[in-house]
């Protein structure tokens, strides 16, 4: 079934949520989540506090759209891959594309994300949002991997590859966030590609004839 295009209202809602998420990420990265209030985030984003709470239950929840937008773009790229391309090649290619900044805005977004992950190391609520976003992304990625792999693929291997690909991105971003002197925009893509190759080494996607 062909997916329905989002309405104008839905697009506006998504834009507002992302603006709030960016404001929250900037404040959290600069000062830590404990020192930031929902009122400050709303003011920074240029929205009313009631608008903030219409979209998010807590201040930590506000960062989820920023963390999911990259994963959503990645899944869209992968879903559009040529079925003739090897699955792991498509995964590595799209991971590299989505993690490689192509503009100053992309680089700024990457820095916000890394700053947010640094803040999350000392904030269980932020960590929960990060792990929840990754869990949701893995579940959605599994369906795309299964489609690209075809009906003959082992369901276990499909789950394993989706988990490995999700963790490759997660670990790469966390490793770069842990580097306070981070300066190489190509590092997340390089680390994620390496992690994907290492995590999927030896995985048999299709049944091996006895």
N, C-alpha and C. Protein backbone atom coordinates (compact mmCIF):
# COMPACT_ATOMS: atom_id res chain seq x y z
N UNK A 1 0.84 -1.19 0.00
CA UNK A 1 0.00 0.00 0.00
C UNK A 1 0.88 1.24 0.00
N UNK A 2 0.55 2.19 -0.86
CA UNK A 2 1.34 3.40 -0.97
C UNK A 2 1.07 4.30 0.23
N UNK A 3 2.14 4.82 0.85
CA UNK A 3 1.97 5.66 2.02
C UNK A 3 1.39 7.01 1.64
N UNK A 4 0.59 7.56 2.57
CA UNK A 4 -0.05 8.85 2.34
C UNK A 4 0.94 9.98 2.60
N UNK A 5 0.95 10.97 1.75
CA UNK A 5 1.82 12.13 1.95
C UNK A 5 1.31 12.92 3.16
N UNK A 6 2.22 13.45 3.98
CA UNK A 6 1.78 14.20 5.16
C UNK A 6 1.04 15.47 4.75
N UNK A 7 0.04 15.83 5.53
CA UNK A 7 -0.72 17.04 5.26
C UNK A 7 0.09 18.27 5.64
N UNK A 8 -0.40 19.44 5.25
CA UNK A 8 0.28 20.69 5.60
C UNK A 8 0.36 20.85 7.11
N UNK A 9 -0.71 20.50 7.81
CA UNK A 9 -0.72 20.60 9.27
C UNK A 9 0.33 19.68 9.88
N UNK A 10 0.43 18.48 9.35
CA UNK A 10 1.41 17.53 9.87
C UNK A 10 2.83 18.01 9.60
N UNK A 11 3.05 18.61 8.43
CA UNK A 11 4.38 19.12 8.11
C UNK A 11 4.76 20.28 9.03
N UNK A 12 3.78 21.16 9.28
CA UNK A 12 4.04 22.28 10.19
C UNK A 12 4.33 21.79 11.60
N UNK A 13 3.60 20.78 12.02
CA UNK A 13 3.83 20.20 13.35
C UNK A 13 5.24 19.63 13.44
N UNK A 14 5.68 18.92 12.39
CA UNK A 14 7.01 18.33 12.39
C UNK A 14 8.09 19.40 12.43
N UNK A 15 7.88 20.50 11.70
CA UNK A 15 8.85 21.59 11.70
C UNK A 15 8.95 22.21 13.09
N UNK A 16 7.80 22.44 13.74
CA UNK A 16 7.78 23.02 15.08
C UNK A 16 8.48 22.10 16.08
N UNK A 17 8.18 20.82 16.00
CA UNK A 17 8.82 19.86 16.91
C UNK A 17 10.33 19.84 16.73
N UNK A 18 10.79 19.93 15.48
CA UNK A 18 12.23 19.92 15.23
C UNK A 18 12.88 21.19 15.74
N UNK A 19 12.22 22.32 15.62
CA UNK A 19 12.75 23.57 16.15
C UNK A 19 12.88 23.50 17.67
N UNK A 20 11.87 22.95 18.32
CA UNK A 20 11.93 22.77 19.77
C UNK A 20 13.07 21.82 20.14
N UNK A 21 13.22 20.74 19.37
CA UNK A 21 14.27 19.76 19.64
C UNK A 21 15.66 20.40 19.51
N UNK A 22 15.85 21.23 18.50
CA UNK A 22 17.14 21.90 18.31
C UNK A 22 17.43 22.86 19.46
N UNK A 23 16.41 23.58 19.90
CA UNK A 23 16.60 24.49 21.03
C UNK A 23 16.97 23.71 22.28
N UNK A 24 16.28 22.59 22.52
CA UNK A 24 16.58 21.76 23.69
C UNK A 24 17.99 21.21 23.61
N UNK A 25 18.39 20.74 22.44
CA UNK A 25 19.73 20.16 22.28
C UNK A 25 20.80 21.21 22.55
N UNK A 26 20.61 22.43 22.03
CA UNK A 26 21.60 23.49 22.27
C UNK A 26 21.74 23.77 23.76
N UNK A 27 20.61 23.91 24.44
CA UNK A 27 20.65 24.23 25.86
C UNK A 27 21.22 23.08 26.69
N UNK A 28 20.80 21.86 26.38
CA UNK A 28 21.30 20.70 27.11
C UNK A 28 22.81 20.54 26.91
N UNK A 29 23.25 20.72 25.66
CA UNK A 29 24.68 20.56 25.36
C UNK A 29 25.51 21.63 26.07
N UNK A 30 24.97 22.84 26.18
CA UNK A 30 25.72 23.94 26.81
C UNK A 30 25.74 23.85 28.32
N UNK A 31 24.59 23.45 28.92
CA UNK A 31 24.47 23.56 30.37
C UNK A 31 24.08 22.29 31.09
N UNK A 32 23.72 21.25 30.36
CA UNK A 32 23.23 20.04 30.99
C UNK A 32 21.73 20.13 31.21
N UNK A 33 21.05 19.00 31.15
CA UNK A 33 19.59 18.99 31.22
C UNK A 33 19.07 19.49 32.56
N UNK A 34 19.78 19.20 33.65
CA UNK A 34 19.30 19.59 34.97
C UNK A 34 19.16 21.10 35.12
N UNK A 35 20.00 21.85 34.40
CA UNK A 35 20.01 23.30 34.54
C UNK A 35 19.05 24.00 33.58
N UNK A 36 18.30 23.23 32.82
CA UNK A 36 17.42 23.79 31.78
C UNK A 36 15.97 23.47 32.10
N UNK A 37 15.07 24.42 31.88
CA UNK A 37 13.65 24.19 32.10
C UNK A 37 12.90 24.14 30.76
N UNK A 38 11.71 23.57 30.82
CA UNK A 38 10.87 23.53 29.63
C UNK A 38 10.53 24.95 29.17
N UNK A 39 10.37 25.86 30.12
CA UNK A 39 10.06 27.25 29.78
C UNK A 39 11.19 27.88 28.98
N UNK A 40 12.43 27.58 29.36
CA UNK A 40 13.58 28.11 28.62
C UNK A 40 13.64 27.54 27.20
N UNK A 41 13.36 26.26 27.10
CA UNK A 41 13.38 25.63 25.77
C UNK A 41 12.32 26.26 24.88
N UNK A 42 11.11 26.44 25.42
CA UNK A 42 10.03 27.04 24.64
C UNK A 42 10.42 28.46 24.20
N UNK A 43 10.98 29.23 25.13
CA UNK A 43 11.38 30.59 24.79
C UNK A 43 12.45 30.61 23.71
N UNK A 44 13.42 29.71 23.82
CA UNK A 44 14.49 29.63 22.84
C UNK A 44 13.96 29.23 21.46
N UNK A 45 12.93 28.38 21.46
CA UNK A 45 12.34 27.91 20.19
C UNK A 45 11.31 28.88 19.65
N UNK A 46 10.94 29.88 20.44
CA UNK A 46 9.97 30.86 19.97
C UNK A 46 8.53 30.36 19.99
N UNK A 47 8.22 29.46 20.94
CA UNK A 47 6.85 28.95 21.05
C UNK A 47 6.36 29.15 22.48
N UNK A 48 5.05 29.06 22.66
CA UNK A 48 4.46 29.17 23.99
C UNK A 48 4.73 27.87 24.76
N UNK A 49 4.75 27.98 26.09
CA UNK A 49 4.96 26.80 26.92
C UNK A 49 3.86 25.77 26.67
N UNK A 50 2.63 26.24 26.49
CA UNK A 50 1.54 25.29 26.23
C UNK A 50 1.75 24.53 24.92
N UNK A 51 2.40 25.19 23.95
CA UNK A 51 2.73 24.51 22.70
C UNK A 51 3.76 23.42 22.96
N UNK A 52 4.76 23.75 23.79
CA UNK A 52 5.78 22.75 24.15
C UNK A 52 5.11 21.50 24.72
N UNK A 53 4.22 21.69 25.69
CA UNK A 53 3.61 20.54 26.35
C UNK A 53 2.53 19.87 25.50
N UNK A 54 2.11 20.51 24.44
CA UNK A 54 1.20 19.86 23.50
C UNK A 54 1.94 18.75 22.76
N UNK A 55 3.25 18.95 22.54
CA UNK A 55 4.04 18.00 21.77
C UNK A 55 4.88 17.05 22.63
N UNK A 56 5.30 17.50 23.83
CA UNK A 56 6.23 16.70 24.63
C UNK A 56 5.78 16.64 26.08
N UNK A 57 5.93 15.45 26.67
CA UNK A 57 5.56 15.27 28.07
C UNK A 57 6.60 15.87 29.00
N UNK A 58 7.89 15.71 28.65
CA UNK A 58 8.97 16.19 29.49
C UNK A 58 10.00 16.95 28.65
N UNK A 59 10.86 17.68 29.32
CA UNK A 59 11.90 18.43 28.59
C UNK A 59 12.85 17.47 27.88
N UNK A 60 13.11 16.30 28.48
CA UNK A 60 14.01 15.34 27.84
C UNK A 60 13.39 14.76 26.56
N UNK A 61 12.07 14.55 26.58
CA UNK A 61 11.40 14.04 25.38
C UNK A 61 11.57 14.97 24.19
N UNK A 62 11.81 16.25 24.46
CA UNK A 62 11.87 17.25 23.40
C UNK A 62 12.98 16.99 22.40
N UNK A 63 14.02 16.26 22.80
CA UNK A 63 15.15 16.06 21.88
C UNK A 63 14.91 14.92 20.90
N UNK A 64 13.87 14.12 21.12
CA UNK A 64 13.66 12.94 20.29
C UNK A 64 13.58 13.25 18.79
N UNK A 65 12.87 14.31 18.36
CA UNK A 65 12.81 14.57 16.91
C UNK A 65 14.18 14.81 16.29
N UNK A 66 15.08 15.45 17.02
CA UNK A 66 16.42 15.69 16.48
C UNK A 66 17.17 14.37 16.31
N UNK A 67 16.96 13.46 17.26
CA UNK A 67 17.66 12.17 17.21
C UNK A 67 17.05 11.25 16.16
N UNK A 68 15.78 11.43 15.86
CA UNK A 68 15.12 10.53 14.91
C UNK A 68 15.21 10.99 13.47
N UNK A 69 15.43 12.29 13.25
CA UNK A 69 15.39 12.79 11.87
C UNK A 69 16.48 12.15 11.01
N UNK A 70 17.67 12.00 11.58
CA UNK A 70 18.75 11.36 10.82
C UNK A 70 18.45 9.89 10.53
N UNK A 71 17.91 9.19 11.54
CA UNK A 71 17.57 7.78 11.35
C UNK A 71 16.48 7.62 10.30
N UNK A 72 15.52 8.54 10.31
CA UNK A 72 14.45 8.48 9.31
C UNK A 72 14.97 8.70 7.90
N UNK A 73 15.91 9.64 7.77
CA UNK A 73 16.52 9.89 6.46
C UNK A 73 17.29 8.66 6.00
N UNK A 74 17.99 8.03 6.91
CA UNK A 74 18.76 6.82 6.59
C UNK A 74 17.85 5.71 6.10
N UNK A 75 16.75 5.47 6.82
CA UNK A 75 15.83 4.40 6.42
C UNK A 75 15.22 4.68 5.05
N UNK A 76 14.93 5.95 4.77
CA UNK A 76 14.37 6.31 3.47
C UNK A 76 15.38 6.03 2.35
N UNK A 77 16.64 6.36 2.59
CA UNK A 77 17.68 6.09 1.60
C UNK A 77 17.82 4.58 1.36
N UNK A 78 17.80 3.83 2.45
CA UNK A 78 17.96 2.38 2.32
C UNK A 78 16.76 1.76 1.61
N UNK A 79 15.57 2.23 1.93
CA UNK A 79 14.37 1.68 1.29
C UNK A 79 14.36 1.93 -0.21
N UNK A 80 15.06 3.00 -0.63
CA UNK A 80 15.11 3.33 -2.06
C UNK A 80 16.28 2.66 -2.77
N UNK A 81 17.03 1.82 -2.07
CA UNK A 81 18.20 1.17 -2.68
C UNK A 81 17.78 0.22 -3.80
N UNK A 82 18.65 0.07 -4.76
CA UNK A 82 18.44 -0.87 -5.86
C UNK A 82 18.45 -2.29 -5.28
N UNK A 83 17.39 -3.07 -5.51
CA UNK A 83 17.33 -4.43 -4.97
C UNK A 83 18.51 -5.31 -5.41
N UNK A 84 19.16 -4.91 -6.52
CA UNK A 84 20.30 -5.71 -7.00
C UNK A 84 21.57 -5.43 -6.19
N UNK A 85 21.58 -4.36 -5.43
CA UNK A 85 22.75 -4.04 -4.62
C UNK A 85 22.82 -4.98 -3.42
N UNK A 86 24.01 -5.44 -3.09
CA UNK A 86 24.18 -6.29 -1.92
C UNK A 86 23.69 -5.54 -0.67
N UNK A 87 22.96 -6.25 0.19
CA UNK A 87 22.34 -5.61 1.35
C UNK A 87 23.36 -4.89 2.23
N UNK A 88 24.45 -5.57 2.57
CA UNK A 88 25.44 -4.94 3.45
C UNK A 88 26.12 -3.76 2.77
N UNK A 89 26.29 -3.84 1.45
CA UNK A 89 26.85 -2.69 0.72
C UNK A 89 25.89 -1.51 0.79
N UNK A 90 24.60 -1.79 0.63
CA UNK A 90 23.60 -0.72 0.70
C UNK A 90 23.55 -0.10 2.09
N UNK A 91 23.65 -0.95 3.11
CA UNK A 91 23.66 -0.43 4.48
C UNK A 91 24.86 0.47 4.72
N UNK A 92 26.04 0.01 4.30
CA UNK A 92 27.25 0.80 4.53
C UNK A 92 27.21 2.10 3.72
N UNK A 93 26.74 2.02 2.49
CA UNK A 93 26.68 3.21 1.64
C UNK A 93 25.74 4.26 2.23
N UNK A 94 24.57 3.82 2.68
CA UNK A 94 23.59 4.77 3.20
C UNK A 94 23.99 5.30 4.57
N UNK A 95 24.63 4.46 5.39
CA UNK A 95 25.15 4.93 6.67
C UNK A 95 26.16 6.04 6.45
N UNK A 96 27.07 5.80 5.51
CA UNK A 96 28.10 6.80 5.21
C UNK A 96 27.48 8.09 4.71
N UNK A 97 26.47 7.96 3.85
CA UNK A 97 25.83 9.16 3.30
C UNK A 97 25.14 9.98 4.38
N UNK A 98 24.42 9.31 5.27
CA UNK A 98 23.64 10.05 6.25
C UNK A 98 24.51 10.63 7.37
N UNK A 99 25.67 10.04 7.61
CA UNK A 99 26.54 10.54 8.69
C UNK A 99 27.60 11.51 8.19
N UNK A 100 27.67 11.74 6.90
CA UNK A 100 28.68 12.65 6.35
C UNK A 100 28.06 14.03 6.15
N UNK A 101 28.49 15.04 6.90
CA UNK A 101 27.93 16.39 6.73
C UNK A 101 28.21 16.93 5.33
N UNK A 102 27.18 17.50 4.71
CA UNK A 102 27.33 18.03 3.36
C UNK A 102 27.22 19.56 3.33
N UNK A 103 26.95 20.15 4.48
CA UNK A 103 26.79 21.60 4.56
C UNK A 103 27.11 22.05 5.97
N UNK A 104 27.21 23.36 6.15
CA UNK A 104 27.44 23.89 7.49
C UNK A 104 26.29 23.53 8.42
N UNK A 105 25.07 23.52 7.89
CA UNK A 105 23.90 23.16 8.70
C UNK A 105 23.99 21.70 9.16
N UNK A 106 24.44 20.81 8.27
CA UNK A 106 24.61 19.40 8.63
C UNK A 106 25.66 19.26 9.73
N UNK A 107 26.76 20.00 9.60
CA UNK A 107 27.83 19.92 10.59
C UNK A 107 27.36 20.45 11.94
N UNK A 108 26.60 21.53 11.90
CA UNK A 108 26.07 22.09 13.15
C UNK A 108 25.13 21.09 13.82
N UNK A 109 24.28 20.43 13.02
CA UNK A 109 23.37 19.43 13.56
C UNK A 109 24.14 18.26 14.18
N UNK A 110 25.23 17.85 13.53
CA UNK A 110 26.06 16.78 14.08
C UNK A 110 26.65 17.19 15.42
N UNK A 111 27.13 18.42 15.50
CA UNK A 111 27.72 18.89 16.75
C UNK A 111 26.68 18.98 17.86
N UNK A 112 25.45 19.39 17.52
CA UNK A 112 24.38 19.41 18.52
C UNK A 112 24.11 17.99 19.03
N UNK A 113 24.07 17.05 18.10
CA UNK A 113 23.79 15.67 18.49
C UNK A 113 24.88 15.13 19.40
N UNK A 114 26.14 15.38 19.06
CA UNK A 114 27.24 14.89 19.89
C UNK A 114 27.23 15.57 21.25
N UNK A 115 26.94 16.86 21.27
CA UNK A 115 26.85 17.56 22.55
C UNK A 115 25.72 17.01 23.40
N UNK A 116 24.62 16.68 22.76
CA UNK A 116 23.49 16.10 23.47
C UNK A 116 23.85 14.73 24.06
N UNK A 117 24.58 13.93 23.30
CA UNK A 117 24.99 12.61 23.81
C UNK A 117 25.97 12.74 24.96
N UNK A 118 26.81 13.78 24.94
CA UNK A 118 27.69 14.03 26.08
C UNK A 118 26.87 14.34 27.33
N UNK A 119 25.86 15.19 27.14
CA UNK A 119 25.00 15.54 28.26
C UNK A 119 24.25 14.32 28.79
N UNK A 120 23.91 13.40 27.89
CA UNK A 120 23.13 12.22 28.28
C UNK A 120 23.91 11.27 29.17
N UNK A 121 25.24 11.32 29.11
CA UNK A 121 26.03 10.40 29.94
C UNK A 121 25.79 10.64 31.43
N UNK A 122 25.36 11.84 31.78
CA UNK A 122 25.12 12.16 33.20
C UNK A 122 23.63 12.35 33.49
N UNK A 123 22.78 11.98 32.54
CA UNK A 123 21.34 12.20 32.72
C UNK A 123 20.56 10.97 32.29
N UNK A 124 20.07 10.16 33.24
CA UNK A 124 19.34 8.93 32.90
C UNK A 124 18.11 9.17 32.02
N UNK A 125 17.42 10.31 32.22
CA UNK A 125 16.23 10.58 31.41
C UNK A 125 16.59 10.79 29.95
N UNK A 126 17.69 11.49 29.70
CA UNK A 126 18.16 11.68 28.31
C UNK A 126 18.64 10.36 27.73
N UNK A 127 19.32 9.56 28.55
CA UNK A 127 19.77 8.25 28.08
C UNK A 127 18.58 7.39 27.67
N UNK A 128 17.50 7.47 28.45
CA UNK A 128 16.31 6.68 28.13
C UNK A 128 15.75 7.08 26.77
N UNK A 129 15.70 8.39 26.51
CA UNK A 129 15.18 8.86 25.22
C UNK A 129 16.06 8.35 24.08
N UNK A 130 17.38 8.42 24.27
CA UNK A 130 18.33 7.96 23.25
C UNK A 130 18.15 6.48 22.95
N UNK A 131 18.05 5.67 24.00
CA UNK A 131 17.89 4.23 23.78
C UNK A 131 16.51 3.90 23.22
N UNK A 132 15.49 4.65 23.62
CA UNK A 132 14.15 4.43 23.06
C UNK A 132 14.13 4.73 21.56
N UNK A 133 14.76 5.84 21.18
CA UNK A 133 14.82 6.21 19.76
C UNK A 133 15.53 5.13 18.96
N UNK A 134 16.63 4.59 19.51
CA UNK A 134 17.36 3.54 18.80
C UNK A 134 16.54 2.26 18.70
N UNK A 135 15.80 1.93 19.75
CA UNK A 135 14.97 0.74 19.70
C UNK A 135 13.86 0.85 18.66
N UNK A 136 13.23 2.02 18.60
CA UNK A 136 12.18 2.24 17.60
C UNK A 136 12.75 2.20 16.19
N UNK A 137 13.93 2.79 16.02
CA UNK A 137 14.57 2.80 14.70
C UNK A 137 14.91 1.38 14.25
N UNK A 138 15.42 0.57 15.18
CA UNK A 138 15.77 -0.81 14.82
C UNK A 138 14.55 -1.59 14.35
N UNK A 139 13.42 -1.41 15.04
CA UNK A 139 12.21 -2.13 14.67
C UNK A 139 11.75 -1.73 13.26
N UNK A 140 11.84 -0.45 12.94
CA UNK A 140 11.45 0.01 11.60
C UNK A 140 12.46 -0.43 10.54
N UNK A 141 13.73 -0.44 10.91
CA UNK A 141 14.77 -0.85 9.98
C UNK A 141 14.63 -2.33 9.62
N UNK A 142 14.17 -3.12 10.57
CA UNK A 142 14.04 -4.56 10.35
C UNK A 142 13.12 -4.84 9.17
N UNK A 143 12.03 -4.08 9.04
CA UNK A 143 11.10 -4.29 7.94
C UNK A 143 11.75 -3.98 6.59
N UNK A 144 12.58 -2.93 6.56
CA UNK A 144 13.25 -2.56 5.31
C UNK A 144 14.29 -3.61 4.94
N UNK A 145 15.05 -4.07 5.92
CA UNK A 145 16.05 -5.11 5.68
C UNK A 145 15.37 -6.37 5.15
N UNK A 146 14.25 -6.74 5.74
CA UNK A 146 13.54 -7.94 5.31
C UNK A 146 13.07 -7.81 3.86
N UNK A 147 12.58 -6.64 3.50
CA UNK A 147 12.11 -6.41 2.13
C UNK A 147 13.26 -6.50 1.14
N UNK A 148 14.38 -5.86 1.46
CA UNK A 148 15.53 -5.87 0.55
C UNK A 148 16.16 -7.26 0.46
N UNK A 149 16.16 -7.99 1.57
CA UNK A 149 16.78 -9.31 1.58
C UNK A 149 15.94 -10.34 0.83
N UNK A 150 14.63 -10.15 0.83
CA UNK A 150 13.76 -11.08 0.12
C UNK A 150 13.23 -12.18 1.02
N UNK A 151 12.24 -12.92 0.54
CA UNK A 151 11.56 -13.93 1.37
C UNK A 151 12.43 -15.12 1.75
N UNK A 152 13.54 -15.32 1.06
CA UNK A 152 14.38 -16.48 1.37
C UNK A 152 15.35 -16.20 2.53
N UNK A 153 15.43 -14.96 2.96
CA UNK A 153 16.36 -14.62 4.04
C UNK A 153 15.90 -15.22 5.37
N UNK A 154 16.86 -15.61 6.19
CA UNK A 154 16.58 -16.14 7.52
C UNK A 154 16.05 -15.00 8.40
N UNK A 155 14.88 -15.15 9.02
CA UNK A 155 14.34 -14.10 9.89
C UNK A 155 15.31 -13.72 11.00
N UNK A 156 16.00 -14.72 11.56
CA UNK A 156 16.98 -14.44 12.61
C UNK A 156 18.09 -13.54 12.09
N UNK A 157 18.59 -13.83 10.89
CA UNK A 157 19.66 -13.03 10.31
C UNK A 157 19.20 -11.61 10.00
N UNK A 158 17.95 -11.48 9.56
CA UNK A 158 17.39 -10.14 9.29
C UNK A 158 17.38 -9.32 10.57
N UNK A 159 16.92 -9.92 11.66
CA UNK A 159 16.90 -9.22 12.96
C UNK A 159 18.31 -8.86 13.39
N UNK A 160 19.24 -9.79 13.19
CA UNK A 160 20.62 -9.56 13.61
C UNK A 160 21.25 -8.42 12.83
N UNK A 161 21.03 -8.38 11.54
CA UNK A 161 21.61 -7.33 10.70
C UNK A 161 21.00 -5.97 11.03
N UNK A 162 19.68 -5.93 11.25
CA UNK A 162 19.05 -4.67 11.63
C UNK A 162 19.59 -4.16 12.96
N UNK A 163 19.78 -5.07 13.90
CA UNK A 163 20.33 -4.69 15.20
C UNK A 163 21.77 -4.21 15.06
N UNK A 164 22.55 -4.92 14.25
CA UNK A 164 23.95 -4.55 14.06
C UNK A 164 24.08 -3.18 13.39
N UNK A 165 23.25 -2.92 12.39
CA UNK A 165 23.31 -1.64 11.69
C UNK A 165 22.92 -0.50 12.61
N UNK A 166 21.88 -0.71 13.41
CA UNK A 166 21.46 0.32 14.36
C UNK A 166 22.55 0.59 15.38
N UNK A 167 23.14 -0.48 15.90
CA UNK A 167 24.19 -0.32 16.90
C UNK A 167 25.45 0.29 16.31
N UNK A 168 25.71 0.04 15.03
CA UNK A 168 26.88 0.63 14.39
C UNK A 168 26.79 2.15 14.42
N UNK A 169 25.62 2.69 14.10
CA UNK A 169 25.42 4.14 14.16
C UNK A 169 25.51 4.63 15.60
N UNK A 170 24.83 3.91 16.50
CA UNK A 170 24.79 4.35 17.89
C UNK A 170 26.18 4.40 18.51
N UNK A 171 26.93 3.33 18.34
CA UNK A 171 28.27 3.26 18.94
C UNK A 171 29.20 4.30 18.33
N UNK A 172 29.10 4.50 17.01
CA UNK A 172 29.96 5.49 16.35
C UNK A 172 29.70 6.89 16.89
N UNK A 173 28.42 7.24 17.02
CA UNK A 173 28.08 8.58 17.52
C UNK A 173 28.48 8.72 18.98
N UNK A 174 28.28 7.68 19.77
CA UNK A 174 28.68 7.75 21.18
C UNK A 174 30.19 7.87 21.32
N UNK A 175 30.93 7.15 20.48
CA UNK A 175 32.39 7.23 20.54
C UNK A 175 32.88 8.63 20.19
N UNK A 176 32.28 9.24 19.17
CA UNK A 176 32.67 10.60 18.79
C UNK A 176 32.26 11.60 19.86
N UNK A 177 31.11 11.37 20.49
CA UNK A 177 30.66 12.27 21.56
C UNK A 177 31.60 12.21 22.75
N UNK A 178 32.18 11.04 23.00
CA UNK A 178 33.08 10.89 24.14
C UNK A 178 34.41 11.61 23.93
N UNK A 179 34.69 11.97 22.68
CA UNK A 179 35.93 12.68 22.35
C UNK A 179 35.68 14.18 22.48
N UNK A 180 36.10 14.77 23.57
CA UNK A 180 35.85 16.19 23.83
C UNK A 180 36.52 17.07 22.77
N UNK A 181 37.56 16.56 22.14
CA UNK A 181 38.29 17.35 21.14
C UNK A 181 37.84 17.01 19.72
N UNK A 182 36.64 16.46 19.58
CA UNK A 182 36.14 16.04 18.27
C UNK A 182 36.30 17.15 17.25
N UNK A 183 36.94 16.80 16.11
CA UNK A 183 37.15 17.81 15.08
C UNK A 183 37.05 17.24 13.66
N UNK A 184 36.91 15.93 13.54
CA UNK A 184 36.89 15.29 12.23
C UNK A 184 35.46 14.96 11.82
N UNK A 185 34.85 15.72 10.92
CA UNK A 185 33.47 15.46 10.51
C UNK A 185 33.28 14.10 9.85
N UNK A 186 34.38 13.51 9.36
CA UNK A 186 34.26 12.21 8.71
C UNK A 186 34.34 11.04 9.68
N UNK A 187 34.64 11.31 10.95
CA UNK A 187 34.84 10.24 11.91
C UNK A 187 33.58 9.40 12.16
N UNK A 188 32.40 10.01 12.35
CA UNK A 188 31.23 9.17 12.61
C UNK A 188 30.94 8.16 11.49
N UNK A 189 31.03 8.60 10.25
CA UNK A 189 30.77 7.70 9.13
C UNK A 189 31.81 6.59 9.07
N UNK A 190 33.08 6.94 9.28
CA UNK A 190 34.15 5.94 9.22
C UNK A 190 34.00 4.91 10.34
N UNK A 191 33.69 5.37 11.53
CA UNK A 191 33.53 4.46 12.66
C UNK A 191 32.31 3.56 12.48
N UNK A 192 31.21 4.15 11.97
CA UNK A 192 29.99 3.37 11.78
C UNK A 192 30.19 2.30 10.71
N UNK A 193 30.90 2.64 9.63
CA UNK A 193 31.18 1.66 8.58
C UNK A 193 32.02 0.51 9.12
N UNK A 194 33.03 0.86 9.90
CA UNK A 194 33.88 -0.17 10.51
C UNK A 194 33.06 -1.06 11.45
N UNK A 195 32.23 -0.43 12.28
CA UNK A 195 31.41 -1.19 13.22
C UNK A 195 30.46 -2.13 12.49
N UNK A 196 29.86 -1.64 11.42
CA UNK A 196 28.92 -2.49 10.66
C UNK A 196 29.63 -3.72 10.11
N UNK A 197 30.81 -3.51 9.52
CA UNK A 197 31.56 -4.66 8.97
C UNK A 197 31.92 -5.66 10.06
N UNK A 198 32.34 -5.15 11.21
CA UNK A 198 32.77 -6.06 12.28
C UNK A 198 31.59 -6.78 12.93
N UNK A 199 30.47 -6.07 13.09
CA UNK A 199 29.31 -6.66 13.74
C UNK A 199 28.59 -7.67 12.85
N UNK A 200 28.72 -7.53 11.53
CA UNK A 200 28.01 -8.45 10.63
C UNK A 200 28.93 -9.51 10.03
N UNK A 201 30.19 -9.51 10.42
CA UNK A 201 31.12 -10.50 9.88
C UNK A 201 30.65 -11.92 10.23
N UNK A 202 30.51 -12.75 9.22
CA UNK A 202 30.12 -14.13 9.45
C UNK A 202 28.62 -14.37 9.51
N UNK A 203 27.81 -13.33 9.41
CA UNK A 203 26.36 -13.52 9.44
C UNK A 203 25.89 -14.12 8.12
N UNK A 204 25.18 -15.22 8.17
CA UNK A 204 24.65 -15.87 6.98
C UNK A 204 23.21 -15.43 6.79
N UNK A 205 22.95 -14.60 5.80
CA UNK A 205 21.62 -14.06 5.58
C UNK A 205 20.67 -15.11 5.01
N UNK A 206 21.21 -16.05 4.25
CA UNK A 206 20.39 -17.08 3.61
C UNK A 206 20.79 -18.46 4.13
N UNK A 207 19.87 -19.41 4.16
CA UNK A 207 20.20 -20.76 4.63
C UNK A 207 21.35 -21.35 3.84
N UNK A 208 22.24 -21.99 4.56
CA UNK A 208 23.39 -22.65 3.93
C UNK A 208 23.00 -24.10 3.66
N UNK A 209 23.17 -24.54 2.42
CA UNK A 209 22.83 -25.92 2.08
C UNK A 209 23.67 -26.88 2.88
N UNK A 210 23.02 -27.90 3.36
CA UNK A 210 23.74 -28.91 4.14
C UNK A 210 24.65 -29.72 3.25
